[in-house]
């Protein structure tokens, strides 16, 4: 039973970490607007969301079959009234036991 629960938890774990550097986030309300749109995307681990307002940095993790592409995230950010300055995606390596 414990092994089955562990497999279930591992299956839900995020496999990529995204860092978006966003220009124009000046207040908590701005950050909330972006956060709400990103959390609505399929595969986003909502517990991993971190917004550093002073640095204009949005960090989140997601588990998707293919990485989210920069063009789609740029459109999401632009539609929110901001500018995506830099985009990074990194794989998250599962822990080896």
C-alpha atoms as a PDB file:
ATOM      1  CA  UNK A   1       0.000   0.000   0.000  1.00  0.00           C
ATOM      2  CA  UNK A   2       2.792   2.431   0.916  1.00  0.00           C
ATOM      3  CA  UNK A   3       4.547   1.716  -2.381  1.00  0.00           C
ATOM      4  CA  UNK A   4       1.354   2.491  -4.293  1.00  0.00           C
ATOM      5  CA  UNK A   5       0.969   5.800  -2.457  1.00  0.00           C
ATOM      6  CA  UNK A   6       4.600   6.684  -3.216  1.00  0.00           C
ATOM      7  CA  UNK A   7       4.076   5.961  -6.927  1.00  0.00           C
ATOM      8  CA  UNK A   8       0.994   8.174  -6.894  1.00  0.00           C
ATOM      9  CA  UNK A   9       2.921  11.035  -5.290  1.00  0.00           C
ATOM     10  CA  UNK A  10       5.812  10.618  -7.736  1.00  0.00           C
ATOM     11  CA  UNK A  11       3.417  10.628 -10.693  1.00  0.00           C
ATOM     12  CA  UNK A  12       2.059  13.989  -9.578  1.00  0.00           C
ATOM     13  CA  UNK A  13       5.457  15.603  -9.048  1.00  0.00           C
ATOM     14  CA  UNK A  14       6.443  18.487 -11.288  1.00  0.00           C
ATOM     15  CA  UNK A  15       9.100  17.754 -13.884  1.00  0.00           C
ATOM     16  CA  UNK A  16      10.086  21.268 -15.002  1.00  0.00           C
ATOM     17  CA  UNK A  17      10.854  24.544 -13.266  1.00  0.00           C
ATOM     18  CA  UNK A  18      10.066  27.805 -15.036  1.00  0.00           C
ATOM     19  CA  UNK A  19      11.556  31.218 -14.281  1.00  0.00           C
ATOM     20  CA  UNK A  20       9.939  34.216 -15.941  1.00  0.00           C
ATOM     21  CA  UNK A  21      11.468  37.666 -15.616  1.00  0.00           C
ATOM     22  CA  UNK A  22       8.585  40.091 -16.074  1.00  0.00           C
ATOM     23  CA  UNK A  23       8.746  43.863 -16.564  1.00  0.00           C
ATOM     24  CA  UNK A  24       5.978  46.022 -15.134  1.00  0.00           C
ATOM     25  CA  UNK A  25       5.003  44.128 -11.971  1.00  0.00           C
ATOM     26  CA  UNK A  26       4.861  47.004  -9.520  1.00  0.00           C
ATOM     27  CA  UNK A  27       2.325  45.944  -6.910  1.00  0.00           C
ATOM     28  CA  UNK A  28       0.783  42.852  -5.307  1.00  0.00           C
ATOM     29  CA  UNK A  29      -2.321  43.242  -7.478  1.00  0.00           C
ATOM     30  CA  UNK A  30      -0.135  42.991 -10.607  1.00  0.00           C
ATOM     31  CA  UNK A  31       1.490  39.836  -9.276  1.00  0.00           C
ATOM     32  CA  UNK A  32      -1.900  38.350  -8.397  1.00  0.00           C
ATOM     33  CA  UNK A  33      -3.133  38.811 -11.975  1.00  0.00           C
ATOM     34  CA  UNK A  34      -0.177  36.894 -13.398  1.00  0.00           C
ATOM     35  CA  UNK A  35      -0.338  34.258 -10.666  1.00  0.00           C
ATOM     36  CA  UNK A  36      -4.022  33.598 -11.369  1.00  0.00           C
ATOM     37  CA  UNK A  37      -3.411  33.078 -15.107  1.00  0.00           C
ATOM     38  CA  UNK A  38      -0.408  30.784 -14.611  1.00  0.00           C
ATOM     39  CA  UNK A  39      -2.182  28.681 -11.986  1.00  0.00           C
ATOM     40  CA  UNK A  40      -4.990  28.109 -14.507  1.00  0.00           C
ATOM     41  CA  UNK A  41      -2.582  26.379 -16.928  1.00  0.00           C
ATOM     42  CA  UNK A  42      -2.722  22.573 -17.106  1.00  0.00           C
ATOM     43  CA  UNK A  43      -0.001  20.816 -15.132  1.00  0.00           C
ATOM     44  CA  UNK A  44       1.074  23.769 -12.975  1.00  0.00           C
ATOM     45  CA  UNK A  45       1.924  22.807  -9.399  1.00  0.00           C
ATOM     46  CA  UNK A  46       0.117  25.607  -7.583  1.00  0.00           C
ATOM     47  CA  UNK A  47       1.992  24.962  -4.345  1.00  0.00           C
ATOM     48  CA  UNK A  48       5.306  25.732  -6.075  1.00  0.00           C
ATOM     49  CA  UNK A  49       4.338  29.238  -7.262  1.00  0.00           C
ATOM     50  CA  UNK A  50       6.670  31.990  -6.070  1.00  0.00           C
ATOM     51  CA  UNK A  51       6.567  35.641  -7.099  1.00  0.00           C
ATOM     52  CA  UNK A  52       9.385  38.008  -6.193  1.00  0.00           C
ATOM     53  CA  UNK A  53       7.762  41.363  -6.837  1.00  0.00           C
ATOM     54  CA  UNK A  54      10.881  43.521  -6.400  1.00  0.00           C
ATOM     55  CA  UNK A  55      12.832  41.399  -8.906  1.00  0.00           C
ATOM     56  CA  UNK A  56       9.952  40.908 -11.351  1.00  0.00           C
ATOM     57  CA  UNK A  57      10.478  37.162 -11.057  1.00  0.00           C
ATOM     58  CA  UNK A  58       7.781  34.497 -11.367  1.00  0.00           C
ATOM     59  CA  UNK A  59       8.841  30.933 -10.522  1.00  0.00           C
ATOM     60  CA  UNK A  60       6.655  27.858 -10.825  1.00  0.00           C
ATOM     61  CA  UNK A  61       6.864  24.134 -11.475  1.00  0.00           C
ATOM     62  CA  UNK A  62       4.776  22.125 -13.911  1.00  0.00           C
ATOM     63  CA  UNK A  63       4.304  18.564 -15.064  1.00  0.00           C
ATOM     64  CA  UNK A  64       3.403  18.548 -18.754  1.00  0.00           C
ATOM     65  CA  UNK A  65       4.145  16.062 -21.566  1.00  0.00           C
ATOM     66  CA  UNK A  66       6.090  18.764 -23.423  1.00  0.00           C
ATOM     67  CA  UNK A  67       7.718  21.905 -21.992  1.00  0.00           C
ATOM     68  CA  UNK A  68       5.614  25.050 -22.146  1.00  0.00           C
ATOM     69  CA  UNK A  69       6.941  27.185 -24.956  1.00  0.00           C
ATOM     70  CA  UNK A  70       8.195  30.721 -24.579  1.00  0.00           C
ATOM     71  CA  UNK A  71       5.752  32.111 -27.163  1.00  0.00           C
ATOM     72  CA  UNK A  72       2.698  30.864 -25.243  1.00  0.00           C
ATOM     73  CA  UNK A  73       3.960  32.203 -21.931  1.00  0.00           C
ATOM     74  CA  UNK A  74       4.937  35.501 -23.582  1.00  0.00           C
ATOM     75  CA  UNK A  75       1.367  35.840 -24.910  1.00  0.00           C
ATOM     76  CA  UNK A  76      -0.068  35.074 -21.459  1.00  0.00           C
ATOM     77  CA  UNK A  77       2.174  37.709 -19.832  1.00  0.00           C
ATOM     78  CA  UNK A  78       1.514  40.291 -22.575  1.00  0.00           C
ATOM     79  CA  UNK A  79      -2.249  39.714 -22.338  1.00  0.00           C
ATOM     80  CA  UNK A  80      -1.914  40.460 -18.619  1.00  0.00           C
ATOM     81  CA  UNK A  81      -0.398  43.855 -19.463  1.00  0.00           C
ATOM     82  CA  UNK A  82       3.251  43.038 -18.781  1.00  0.00           C
ATOM     83  CA  UNK A  83       6.379  42.187 -20.769  1.00  0.00           C
ATOM     84  CA  UNK A  84       8.246  38.894 -20.586  1.00  0.00           C
ATOM     85  CA  UNK A  85      11.913  39.910 -20.487  1.00  0.00           C
ATOM     86  CA  UNK A  86      13.559  36.526 -19.939  1.00  0.00           C
ATOM     87  CA  UNK A  87      12.410  32.900 -19.919  1.00  0.00           C
ATOM     88  CA  UNK A  88      14.159  29.859 -18.474  1.00  0.00           C
ATOM     89  CA  UNK A  89      12.984  26.285 -18.114  1.00  0.00           C
ATOM     90  CA  UNK A  90      14.954  23.622 -16.281  1.00  0.00           C
ATOM     91  CA  UNK A  91      14.220  19.926 -15.811  1.00  0.00           C
ATOM     92  CA  UNK A  92      13.700  18.780 -12.254  1.00  0.00           C
ATOM     93  CA  UNK A  93      15.594  15.564 -11.662  1.00  0.00           C
ATOM     94  CA  UNK A  94      13.788  12.959  -9.577  1.00  0.00           C
ATOM     95  CA  UNK A  95      15.632  11.869  -6.459  1.00  0.00           C
ATOM     96  CA  UNK A  96      17.431   8.572  -6.814  1.00  0.00           C
ATOM     97  CA  UNK A  97      17.063   6.201  -3.880  1.00  0.00           C
END
